């Protein structure tokens, strides 16, 4: 489930009906492979936005910047269970 929650807009290809999972098992990077240094504006582009964004805006301890991450799996599990589907995280 965590891999699904970490999807970004760019990972959904509606023309080919496919989803790309780039970093499985919750690798926890803000932008993969140091793209923030290489492309400083990438974090503001629509394609890099989370498909399931977190309502929280935590502060990155390394940089001191406010960042949005994907929603926590336990929160999504609670919402999904409202439809009678129970997920173990």
Protein backbone atom coordinates (compact mmCIF):
# COMPACT_ATOMS: atom_id res chain seq x y z
CA UNK A 1 0.00 0.00 0.00
CA UNK A 2 2.87 2.40 0.78
CA UNK A 3 4.06 2.22 -2.83
CA UNK A 4 0.61 3.38 -3.99
CA UNK A 5 0.55 6.24 -1.50
CA UNK A 6 3.95 7.45 -2.72
CA UNK A 7 2.80 7.88 -6.33
CA UNK A 8 3.29 11.26 -7.95
CA UNK A 9 1.23 12.77 -10.76
CA UNK A 10 4.01 11.95 -13.25
CA UNK A 11 3.71 8.23 -12.39
CA UNK A 12 0.21 7.95 -13.88
CA UNK A 13 0.08 7.48 -17.67
CA UNK A 14 -3.57 7.70 -18.70
CA UNK A 15 -2.82 7.28 -22.40
CA UNK A 16 -1.11 3.90 -21.90
CA UNK A 17 -3.20 2.92 -18.83
CA UNK A 18 -0.15 2.24 -16.70
CA UNK A 19 1.37 3.28 -13.40
CA UNK A 20 5.12 3.56 -12.80
CA UNK A 21 6.46 2.73 -9.35
CA UNK A 22 9.95 4.19 -9.15
CA UNK A 23 11.11 3.56 -5.60
CA UNK A 24 9.39 0.77 -3.77
CA UNK A 25 9.42 -0.03 -0.06
CA UNK A 26 9.21 3.55 1.18
CA UNK A 27 12.65 4.78 0.27
CA UNK A 28 11.65 8.20 1.61
CA UNK A 29 13.28 10.67 -0.76
CA UNK A 30 11.78 14.10 -1.46
CA UNK A 31 12.93 14.09 -5.08
CA UNK A 32 14.75 11.02 -6.39
CA UNK A 33 18.48 10.99 -7.04
CA UNK A 34 19.28 14.54 -5.96
CA UNK A 35 17.00 16.10 -8.57
CA UNK A 36 16.41 19.06 -6.29
CA UNK A 37 20.02 20.19 -6.80
CA UNK A 38 20.02 19.42 -10.50
CA UNK A 39 16.55 20.88 -11.20
CA UNK A 40 15.73 23.39 -8.43
CA UNK A 41 12.25 24.16 -9.83
CA UNK A 42 11.21 20.49 -10.07
CA UNK A 43 9.46 20.47 -6.68
CA UNK A 44 7.10 23.20 -7.90
CA UNK A 45 6.11 21.43 -11.11
CA UNK A 46 2.75 19.65 -11.21
CA UNK A 47 4.20 16.32 -12.33
CA UNK A 48 6.17 15.97 -9.07
CA UNK A 49 3.15 16.56 -6.79
CA UNK A 50 1.96 13.65 -4.67
CA UNK A 51 -1.16 11.83 -5.87
CA UNK A 52 -2.15 11.38 -2.19
CA UNK A 53 -0.62 14.39 -0.40
CA UNK A 54 -0.36 14.61 3.37
CA UNK A 55 -2.37 17.37 5.04
CA UNK A 56 0.68 18.06 7.23
CA UNK A 57 3.62 20.25 6.25
CA UNK A 58 6.61 18.96 8.22
CA UNK A 59 9.97 20.67 8.41
CA UNK A 60 12.86 18.76 6.85
CA UNK A 61 15.48 18.55 9.62
CA UNK A 62 18.37 18.46 7.14
CA UNK A 63 17.47 21.63 5.22
CA UNK A 64 15.01 23.40 7.52
CA UNK A 65 12.56 23.69 4.59
CA UNK A 66 8.84 23.04 4.93
CA UNK A 67 7.95 20.02 2.78
CA UNK A 68 4.82 18.07 1.93
CA UNK A 69 5.05 14.29 1.84
CA UNK A 70 2.57 11.57 0.92
CA UNK A 71 -0.28 10.70 3.26
CA UNK A 72 0.50 8.16 6.01
CA UNK A 73 -0.62 4.62 5.26
CA UNK A 74 -2.52 4.27 8.56
CA UNK A 75 -4.63 7.33 7.72
CA UNK A 76 -5.46 5.98 4.27
CA UNK A 77 -6.23 2.56 5.80
CA UNK A 78 -8.76 4.21 8.10
CA UNK A 79 -10.48 5.92 5.17
CA UNK A 80 -10.51 2.75 3.09
CA UNK A 81 -12.02 0.78 5.98
CA UNK A 82 -15.03 3.15 5.87
CA UNK A 83 -15.93 1.36 2.62
CA UNK A 84 -15.75 -2.07 4.26
CA UNK A 85 -12.28 -2.85 2.90
CA UNK A 86 -9.78 -3.64 5.63
CA UNK A 87 -6.08 -3.14 4.98
CA UNK A 88 -3.19 -4.28 7.16
CA UNK A 89 -0.24 -1.87 7.10
